[in-house]
Amino acid sequence: MSSPVMALEGLWLAQAMKHSTWLYPTVETMHIWGIGMLFGSVVIMDLRVLGFGNKLNLSDLSRLGVLVAFIGFGLAVLTGSLMFIAQASELISSRLFILKMCLIFLLLANAMILRMRTVTNGISKLQALLSLTGWASVIGMGRWLAYV
């Protein structure tokens, strides 16, 4: 274990996350709320790009969806960081955790490129499909981390 990781795990907040009966489950619950907000927004916007709900204005839907997705992502990052410091040495050595983080960065890049597009075409539909499956995979990886 490296010293920065040991330093993280030695923080009073990391110790509180490990030893408090209520703190970790409360933070984990808030993490799930963030994921729900993010993934719910992604599903709605990506389904619209794929052609579902064509009567809904994409730019209006995107404005609301992006705001909710940002709030959800921020909540997920904050709470995920708290959960990370409680078990940093275990997670940093997990290939599944590293794969999950890499996938999140790729999906964020995909989301930025997809949202910059002004025209819905075959490429944007492929991006929306990759986004749906990718974020669903990230959620699955997060659940598997607890058991692998």
N, C-alpha and C. Protein backbone atom coordinates (compact mmCIF):
# COMPACT_ATOMS: atom_id res chain seq x y z
N MET A 1 0.85 -1.18 0.00
CA MET A 1 0.00 0.00 0.00
C MET A 1 0.90 1.24 0.00
N SER A 2 0.58 2.20 -0.87
CA SER A 2 1.39 3.40 -0.96
C SER A 2 1.00 4.38 0.13
N SER A 3 1.88 5.31 0.41
CA SER A 3 1.63 6.24 1.49
C SER A 3 0.48 7.22 1.22
N PRO A 4 0.26 7.71 -0.03
CA PRO A 4 -0.92 8.56 -0.24
C PRO A 4 -2.23 7.82 0.04
N VAL A 5 -2.26 6.55 -0.32
CA VAL A 5 -3.46 5.76 -0.05
C VAL A 5 -3.63 5.55 1.46
N MET A 6 -2.51 5.29 2.14
CA MET A 6 -2.57 5.12 3.60
C MET A 6 -2.99 6.43 4.26
N ALA A 7 -2.51 7.55 3.71
CA ALA A 7 -2.88 8.85 4.27
C ALA A 7 -4.38 9.10 4.11
N LEU A 8 -4.91 8.72 2.95
CA LEU A 8 -6.36 8.87 2.73
C LEU A 8 -7.15 8.05 3.74
N GLU A 9 -6.75 6.80 3.90
CA GLU A 9 -7.47 5.92 4.81
C GLU A 9 -7.31 6.33 6.28
N GLY A 10 -6.27 7.11 6.57
CA GLY A 10 -6.06 7.56 7.93
C GLY A 10 -6.81 8.83 8.30
N LEU A 11 -7.41 9.47 7.31
CA LEU A 11 -8.17 10.69 7.58
C LEU A 11 -9.31 10.40 8.55
N TRP A 12 -9.62 11.39 9.40
CA TRP A 12 -10.70 11.18 10.39
C TRP A 12 -12.01 10.85 9.68
N LEU A 13 -12.24 11.44 8.50
CA LEU A 13 -13.48 11.17 7.77
C LEU A 13 -13.52 9.73 7.26
N ALA A 14 -12.38 9.23 6.80
CA ALA A 14 -12.31 7.84 6.36
C ALA A 14 -12.56 6.90 7.53
N GLN A 15 -11.98 7.22 8.68
CA GLN A 15 -12.20 6.39 9.87
C GLN A 15 -13.66 6.45 10.30
N ALA A 16 -14.25 7.63 10.20
CA ALA A 16 -15.68 7.76 10.55
C ALA A 16 -16.54 6.94 9.58
N MET A 17 -16.16 6.96 8.30
CA MET A 17 -16.91 6.16 7.30
C MET A 17 -16.80 4.67 7.63
N LYS A 18 -15.64 4.23 8.10
CA LYS A 18 -15.43 2.81 8.41
C LYS A 18 -16.15 2.37 9.67
N HIS A 19 -16.14 3.22 10.69
CA HIS A 19 -16.57 2.77 12.00
C HIS A 19 -17.96 3.24 12.43
N SER A 20 -18.52 4.20 11.75
CA SER A 20 -19.85 4.66 12.11
C SER A 20 -20.91 3.68 11.60
N THR A 21 -21.89 3.44 12.39
CA THR A 21 -22.97 2.53 12.00
C THR A 21 -23.82 3.15 10.90
N TRP A 22 -24.00 4.47 10.94
CA TRP A 22 -24.95 5.13 10.05
C TRP A 22 -24.31 5.88 8.90
N LEU A 23 -23.07 6.30 9.03
CA LEU A 23 -22.49 7.20 8.02
C LEU A 23 -22.33 6.53 6.66
N TYR A 24 -21.70 5.36 6.60
CA TYR A 24 -21.48 4.71 5.31
C TYR A 24 -22.80 4.40 4.59
N PRO A 25 -23.79 3.79 5.29
CA PRO A 25 -25.06 3.52 4.58
C PRO A 25 -25.78 4.79 4.14
N THR A 26 -25.65 5.86 4.93
CA THR A 26 -26.28 7.13 4.53
C THR A 26 -25.61 7.68 3.28
N VAL A 27 -24.28 7.69 3.25
CA VAL A 27 -23.55 8.17 2.08
C VAL A 27 -23.84 7.28 0.88
N GLU A 28 -23.90 5.97 1.09
CA GLU A 28 -24.21 5.05 0.00
C GLU A 28 -25.60 5.30 -0.57
N THR A 29 -26.55 5.59 0.31
CA THR A 29 -27.91 5.92 -0.14
C THR A 29 -27.91 7.18 -1.01
N MET A 30 -27.16 8.19 -0.55
CA MET A 30 -27.07 9.43 -1.34
C MET A 30 -26.36 9.17 -2.67
N HIS A 31 -25.40 8.25 -2.68
CA HIS A 31 -24.71 7.88 -3.92
C HIS A 31 -25.72 7.28 -4.91
N ILE A 32 -26.60 6.44 -4.42
CA ILE A 32 -27.62 5.83 -5.28
C ILE A 32 -28.58 6.90 -5.80
N TRP A 33 -28.92 7.89 -4.97
CA TRP A 33 -29.77 8.99 -5.46
C TRP A 33 -29.09 9.73 -6.60
N GLY A 34 -27.80 10.01 -6.45
CA GLY A 34 -27.04 10.67 -7.52
C GLY A 34 -27.02 9.85 -8.80
N ILE A 35 -26.77 8.56 -8.65
CA ILE A 35 -26.75 7.67 -9.81
C ILE A 35 -28.11 7.65 -10.48
N GLY A 36 -29.16 7.62 -9.67
CA GLY A 36 -30.52 7.61 -10.22
C GLY A 36 -30.82 8.87 -11.02
N MET A 37 -30.41 10.02 -10.48
CA MET A 37 -30.62 11.28 -11.21
C MET A 37 -29.83 11.29 -12.51
N LEU A 38 -28.57 10.87 -12.45
CA LEU A 38 -27.72 10.85 -13.64
C LEU A 38 -28.26 9.87 -14.67
N PHE A 39 -28.48 8.64 -14.26
CA PHE A 39 -28.89 7.62 -15.22
C PHE A 39 -30.29 7.89 -15.77
N GLY A 40 -31.19 8.38 -14.91
CA GLY A 40 -32.53 8.73 -15.39
C GLY A 40 -32.48 9.78 -16.49
N SER A 41 -31.66 10.78 -16.29
CA SER A 41 -31.51 11.83 -17.31
C SER A 41 -30.88 11.28 -18.57
N VAL A 42 -29.87 10.44 -18.41
CA VAL A 42 -29.19 9.84 -19.57
C VAL A 42 -30.18 9.00 -20.38
N VAL A 43 -30.97 8.20 -19.70
CA VAL A 43 -31.94 7.34 -20.40
C VAL A 43 -32.93 8.17 -21.20
N ILE A 44 -33.49 9.19 -20.58
CA ILE A 44 -34.49 10.03 -21.27
C ILE A 44 -33.87 10.71 -22.50
N MET A 45 -32.70 11.32 -22.31
CA MET A 45 -32.08 12.05 -23.42
C MET A 45 -31.60 11.11 -24.52
N ASP A 46 -31.02 9.97 -24.13
CA ASP A 46 -30.53 9.03 -25.15
C ASP A 46 -31.68 8.38 -25.91
N LEU A 47 -32.77 8.06 -25.22
CA LEU A 47 -33.93 7.50 -25.92
C LEU A 47 -34.50 8.51 -26.92
N ARG A 48 -34.48 9.77 -26.54
CA ARG A 48 -34.95 10.82 -27.46
C ARG A 48 -34.06 10.88 -28.70
N VAL A 49 -32.74 10.79 -28.50
CA VAL A 49 -31.81 10.80 -29.64
C VAL A 49 -32.04 9.57 -30.52
N LEU A 50 -32.39 8.44 -29.89
CA LEU A 50 -32.63 7.21 -30.65
C LEU A 50 -33.95 7.24 -31.41
N GLY A 51 -34.76 8.28 -31.16
CA GLY A 51 -35.99 8.43 -31.94
C GLY A 51 -37.27 8.22 -31.16
N PHE A 52 -37.17 7.91 -29.88
CA PHE A 52 -38.38 7.77 -29.07
C PHE A 52 -38.83 9.16 -28.62
N GLY A 53 -40.12 9.38 -28.58
CA GLY A 53 -40.65 10.68 -28.14
C GLY A 53 -40.28 11.80 -29.08
N ASN A 54 -40.41 11.57 -30.38
CA ASN A 54 -40.03 12.58 -31.37
C ASN A 54 -40.79 13.89 -31.25
N LYS A 55 -41.95 13.86 -30.57
CA LYS A 55 -42.71 15.10 -30.41
C LYS A 55 -42.12 16.01 -29.35
N LEU A 56 -41.24 15.45 -28.50
CA LEU A 56 -40.59 16.27 -27.47
C LEU A 56 -39.45 17.06 -28.09
N ASN A 57 -39.38 18.34 -27.76
CA ASN A 57 -38.32 19.19 -28.27
C ASN A 57 -36.99 18.78 -27.63
N LEU A 58 -36.03 18.38 -28.46
CA LEU A 58 -34.75 17.86 -27.95
C LEU A 58 -33.97 18.90 -27.17
N SER A 59 -33.99 20.15 -27.62
CA SER A 59 -33.19 21.17 -26.92
C SER A 59 -33.80 21.49 -25.55
N ASP A 60 -35.14 21.55 -25.45
CA ASP A 60 -35.77 21.79 -24.15
C ASP A 60 -35.51 20.61 -23.21
N LEU A 61 -35.66 19.41 -23.74
CA LEU A 61 -35.42 18.20 -22.95
C LEU A 61 -33.96 18.14 -22.50
N SER A 62 -33.05 18.51 -23.37
CA SER A 62 -31.63 18.47 -23.07
C SER A 62 -31.26 19.48 -21.98
N ARG A 63 -31.86 20.68 -22.04
CA ARG A 63 -31.56 21.69 -21.01
C ARG A 63 -31.89 21.16 -19.62
N LEU A 64 -33.06 20.58 -19.43
CA LEU A 64 -33.46 20.04 -18.14
C LEU A 64 -32.64 18.79 -17.81
N GLY A 65 -32.48 17.93 -18.79
CA GLY A 65 -31.76 16.68 -18.55
C GLY A 65 -30.31 16.89 -18.16
N VAL A 66 -29.65 17.82 -18.82
CA VAL A 66 -28.24 18.08 -18.51
C VAL A 66 -28.11 18.65 -17.10
N LEU A 67 -29.02 19.52 -16.70
CA LEU A 67 -28.98 20.08 -15.35
C LEU A 67 -29.14 18.97 -14.30
N VAL A 68 -30.13 18.13 -14.47
CA VAL A 68 -30.36 17.03 -13.53
C VAL A 68 -29.19 16.05 -13.56
N ALA A 69 -28.64 15.79 -14.74
CA ALA A 69 -27.49 14.89 -14.85
C ALA A 69 -26.27 15.47 -14.14
N PHE A 70 -26.03 16.78 -14.26
CA PHE A 70 -24.91 17.42 -13.57
C PHE A 70 -25.07 17.31 -12.06
N ILE A 71 -26.27 17.58 -11.57
CA ILE A 71 -26.51 17.50 -10.12
C ILE A 71 -26.31 16.05 -9.65
N GLY A 72 -26.86 15.11 -10.39
CA GLY A 72 -26.70 13.70 -10.03
C GLY A 72 -25.26 13.25 -10.09
N PHE A 73 -24.55 13.67 -11.13
CA PHE A 73 -23.14 13.30 -11.26
C PHE A 73 -22.31 13.90 -10.11
N GLY A 74 -22.59 15.16 -9.79
CA GLY A 74 -21.87 15.80 -8.68
C GLY A 74 -22.11 15.08 -7.37
N LEU A 75 -23.36 14.71 -7.12
CA LEU A 75 -23.69 13.98 -5.89
C LEU A 75 -23.00 12.61 -5.89
N ALA A 76 -23.00 11.94 -7.02
CA ALA A 76 -22.35 10.62 -7.11
C ALA A 76 -20.84 10.72 -6.91
N VAL A 77 -20.21 11.76 -7.47
CA VAL A 77 -18.77 11.94 -7.31
C VAL A 77 -18.43 12.24 -5.85
N LEU A 78 -19.19 13.14 -5.23
CA LEU A 78 -18.93 13.50 -3.84
C LEU A 78 -19.08 12.29 -2.92
N THR A 79 -20.18 11.60 -3.04
CA THR A 79 -20.42 10.45 -2.16
C THR A 79 -19.51 9.27 -2.52
N GLY A 80 -19.23 9.11 -3.80
CA GLY A 80 -18.32 8.05 -4.22
C GLY A 80 -16.91 8.29 -3.67
N SER A 81 -16.50 9.55 -3.62
CA SER A 81 -15.19 9.88 -3.05
C SER A 81 -15.14 9.54 -1.56
N LEU A 82 -16.22 9.82 -0.87
CA LEU A 82 -16.27 9.48 0.56
C LEU A 82 -16.20 7.97 0.76
N MET A 83 -16.92 7.23 -0.07
CA MET A 83 -16.88 5.77 0.04
C MET A 83 -15.49 5.25 -0.35
N PHE A 84 -14.84 5.92 -1.31
CA PHE A 84 -13.51 5.50 -1.75
C PHE A 84 -12.49 5.63 -0.62
N ILE A 85 -12.50 6.75 0.10
CA ILE A 85 -11.46 6.95 1.12
C ILE A 85 -11.58 5.94 2.26
N ALA A 86 -12.77 5.39 2.44
CA ALA A 86 -12.95 4.39 3.51
C ALA A 86 -12.31 3.06 3.15
N GLN A 87 -12.08 2.81 1.87
CA GLN A 87 -11.48 1.54 1.45
C GLN A 87 -10.56 1.74 0.26
N ALA A 88 -9.76 2.80 0.32
CA ALA A 88 -8.92 3.20 -0.81
C ALA A 88 -7.94 2.10 -1.24
N SER A 89 -7.26 1.47 -0.30
CA SER A 89 -6.25 0.46 -0.68
C SER A 89 -6.89 -0.74 -1.37
N GLU A 90 -8.06 -1.11 -0.93
CA GLU A 90 -8.76 -2.23 -1.56
C GLU A 90 -9.22 -1.86 -2.98
N LEU A 91 -9.80 -0.68 -3.11
CA LEU A 91 -10.34 -0.27 -4.41
C LEU A 91 -9.25 0.03 -5.43
N ILE A 92 -8.19 0.69 -4.99
CA ILE A 92 -7.14 1.08 -5.94
C ILE A 92 -6.44 -0.14 -6.53
N SER A 93 -6.50 -1.27 -5.85
CA SER A 93 -5.88 -2.49 -6.38
C SER A 93 -6.87 -3.36 -7.15
N SER A 94 -8.12 -2.90 -7.29
CA SER A 94 -9.15 -3.65 -7.99
C SER A 94 -9.19 -3.27 -9.48
N ARG A 95 -9.02 -4.25 -10.34
CA ARG A 95 -9.11 -3.99 -11.79
C ARG A 95 -10.52 -3.53 -12.17
N LEU A 96 -11.51 -4.06 -11.50
CA LEU A 96 -12.89 -3.69 -11.78
C LEU A 96 -13.12 -2.20 -11.47
N PHE A 97 -12.55 -1.72 -10.36
CA PHE A 97 -12.68 -0.31 -10.01
C PHE A 97 -11.99 0.57 -11.04
N ILE A 98 -10.78 0.18 -11.45
CA ILE A 98 -10.04 0.96 -12.45
C ILE A 98 -10.81 0.97 -13.77
N LEU A 99 -11.34 -0.18 -14.16
CA LEU A 99 -12.13 -0.27 -15.39
C LEU A 99 -13.37 0.62 -15.30
N LYS A 100 -14.03 0.62 -14.14
CA LYS A 100 -15.21 1.46 -13.95
C LYS A 100 -14.85 2.94 -14.09
N MET A 101 -13.75 3.38 -13.49
CA MET A 101 -13.34 4.78 -13.57
C MET A 101 -13.00 5.16 -15.02
N CYS A 102 -12.28 4.27 -15.72
CA CYS A 102 -11.94 4.54 -17.13
C CYS A 102 -13.21 4.65 -17.98
N LEU A 103 -14.16 3.77 -17.74
CA LEU A 103 -15.41 3.80 -18.49
C LEU A 103 -16.19 5.09 -18.22
N ILE A 104 -16.17 5.55 -16.98
CA ILE A 104 -16.85 6.81 -16.64
C ILE A 104 -16.23 7.97 -17.42
N PHE A 105 -14.90 8.03 -17.48
CA PHE A 105 -14.26 9.11 -18.23
C PHE A 105 -14.59 9.04 -19.72
N LEU A 106 -14.60 7.83 -20.28
CA LEU A 106 -14.97 7.68 -21.69
C LEU A 106 -16.43 8.10 -21.93
N LEU A 107 -17.31 7.74 -21.02
CA LEU A 107 -18.72 8.09 -21.17
C LEU A 107 -18.95 9.60 -21.02
N LEU A 108 -18.17 10.24 -20.16
CA LEU A 108 -18.28 11.70 -20.04
C LEU A 108 -17.84 12.37 -21.34
N ALA A 109 -16.76 11.87 -21.93
CA ALA A 109 -16.29 12.42 -23.22
C ALA A 109 -17.36 12.19 -24.29
N ASN A 110 -17.93 11.00 -24.30
CA ASN A 110 -19.00 10.69 -25.26
C ASN A 110 -20.19 11.63 -25.07
N ALA A 111 -20.56 11.88 -23.82
CA ALA A 111 -21.70 12.76 -23.53
C ALA A 111 -21.43 14.18 -24.02
N MET A 112 -20.22 14.66 -23.80
CA MET A 112 -19.91 16.02 -24.24
C MET A 112 -19.98 16.12 -25.77
N ILE A 113 -19.43 15.14 -26.45
CA ILE A 113 -19.46 15.15 -27.92
C ILE A 113 -20.89 15.02 -28.41
N LEU A 114 -21.66 14.12 -27.80
CA LEU A 114 -23.05 13.91 -28.21
C LEU A 114 -23.88 15.17 -28.01
N ARG A 115 -23.69 15.86 -26.90
CA ARG A 115 -24.48 17.07 -26.62
C ARG A 115 -24.08 18.23 -27.51
N MET A 116 -22.87 18.21 -28.07
CA MET A 116 -22.44 19.29 -28.96
C MET A 116 -23.02 19.13 -30.36
N ARG A 117 -23.47 17.93 -30.68
CA ARG A 117 -24.01 17.69 -32.02
C ARG A 117 -25.33 18.45 -32.17
N THR A 118 -25.51 19.04 -33.32
CA THR A 118 -26.75 19.77 -33.58
C THR A 118 -27.72 18.95 -34.42
N VAL A 119 -27.21 17.90 -35.03
CA VAL A 119 -28.04 17.07 -35.90
C VAL A 119 -28.03 15.64 -35.37
N THR A 120 -29.21 15.03 -35.33
CA THR A 120 -29.29 13.63 -34.94
C THR A 120 -29.12 12.79 -36.19
N ASN A 121 -28.07 11.97 -36.20
CA ASN A 121 -27.81 11.09 -37.34
C ASN A 121 -27.41 9.71 -36.83
N GLY A 122 -26.93 8.88 -37.69
CA GLY A 122 -26.56 7.52 -37.31
C GLY A 122 -25.45 7.48 -36.27
N ILE A 123 -24.50 8.40 -36.39
CA ILE A 123 -23.40 8.43 -35.41
C ILE A 123 -23.90 8.82 -34.03
N SER A 124 -24.78 9.82 -33.98
CA SER A 124 -25.30 10.23 -32.67
C SER A 124 -26.18 9.14 -32.07
N LYS A 125 -26.88 8.40 -32.92
CA LYS A 125 -27.69 7.28 -32.41
C LYS A 125 -26.79 6.17 -31.85
N LEU A 126 -25.68 5.92 -32.52
CA LEU A 126 -24.72 4.94 -32.02
C LEU A 126 -24.14 5.42 -30.68
N GLN A 127 -23.83 6.72 -30.58
CA GLN A 127 -23.33 7.27 -29.33
C GLN A 127 -24.35 7.12 -28.21
N ALA A 128 -25.63 7.37 -28.53
CA ALA A 128 -26.68 7.24 -27.51
C ALA A 128 -26.81 5.79 -27.04
N LEU A 129 -26.70 4.87 -27.97
CA LEU A 129 -26.77 3.45 -27.62
C LEU A 129 -25.56 3.05 -26.75
N LEU A 130 -24.38 3.52 -27.13
CA LEU A 130 -23.19 3.26 -26.31
C LEU A 130 -23.32 3.88 -24.93
N SER A 131 -23.91 5.07 -24.88
CA SER A 131 -24.11 5.74 -23.61
C SER A 131 -25.03 4.93 -22.69
N LEU A 132 -26.14 4.48 -23.24
CA LEU A 132 -27.09 3.68 -22.43
C LEU A 132 -26.44 2.42 -21.89
N THR A 133 -25.78 1.68 -22.75
CA THR A 133 -25.15 0.43 -22.30
C THR A 133 -23.94 0.69 -21.40
N GLY A 134 -23.22 1.75 -21.70
CA GLY A 134 -22.04 2.07 -20.89
C GLY A 134 -22.40 2.47 -19.47
N TRP A 135 -23.37 3.40 -19.32
CA TRP A 135 -23.77 3.82 -17.96
C TRP A 135 -24.41 2.68 -17.19
N ALA A 136 -25.18 1.83 -17.89
CA ALA A 136 -25.74 0.65 -17.23
C ALA A 136 -24.62 -0.27 -16.75
N SER A 137 -23.57 -0.39 -17.55
CA SER A 137 -22.41 -1.21 -17.16
C SER A 137 -21.70 -0.62 -15.96
N VAL A 138 -21.57 0.70 -15.92
CA VAL A 138 -20.93 1.36 -14.77
C VAL A 138 -21.71 1.06 -13.49
N ILE A 139 -23.03 1.13 -13.58
CA ILE A 139 -23.85 0.82 -12.40
C ILE A 139 -23.64 -0.64 -11.99
N GLY A 140 -23.62 -1.53 -12.95
CA GLY A 140 -23.38 -2.94 -12.65
C GLY A 140 -22.01 -3.17 -12.01
N MET A 141 -20.98 -2.50 -12.55
CA MET A 141 -19.64 -2.64 -11.99
C MET A 141 -19.60 -2.14 -10.55
N GLY A 142 -20.31 -1.06 -10.29
CA GLY A 142 -20.37 -0.53 -8.92
C GLY A 142 -20.98 -1.53 -7.95
N ARG A 143 -21.99 -2.21 -8.39
CA ARG A 143 -22.61 -3.24 -7.53
C ARG A 143 -21.67 -4.41 -7.35
N TRP A 144 -21.00 -4.83 -8.42
CA TRP A 144 -20.10 -5.98 -8.34
C TRP A 144 -18.91 -5.69 -7.43
N LEU A 145 -18.50 -4.42 -7.34
CA LEU A 145 -17.36 -4.08 -6.48
C LEU A 145 -17.58 -4.50 -5.04
N ALA A 146 -18.82 -4.50 -4.62
CA ALA A 146 -19.13 -4.88 -3.24
C ALA A 146 -18.95 -6.38 -3.00
N TYR A 147 -18.90 -7.16 -4.05
CA TYR A 147 -18.89 -8.61 -3.88
C TYR A 147 -17.66 -9.30 -4.46
N VAL A 148 -16.89 -8.59 -5.31
CA VAL A 148 -15.72 -9.23 -5.95
C VAL A 148 -14.46 -8.87 -5.19
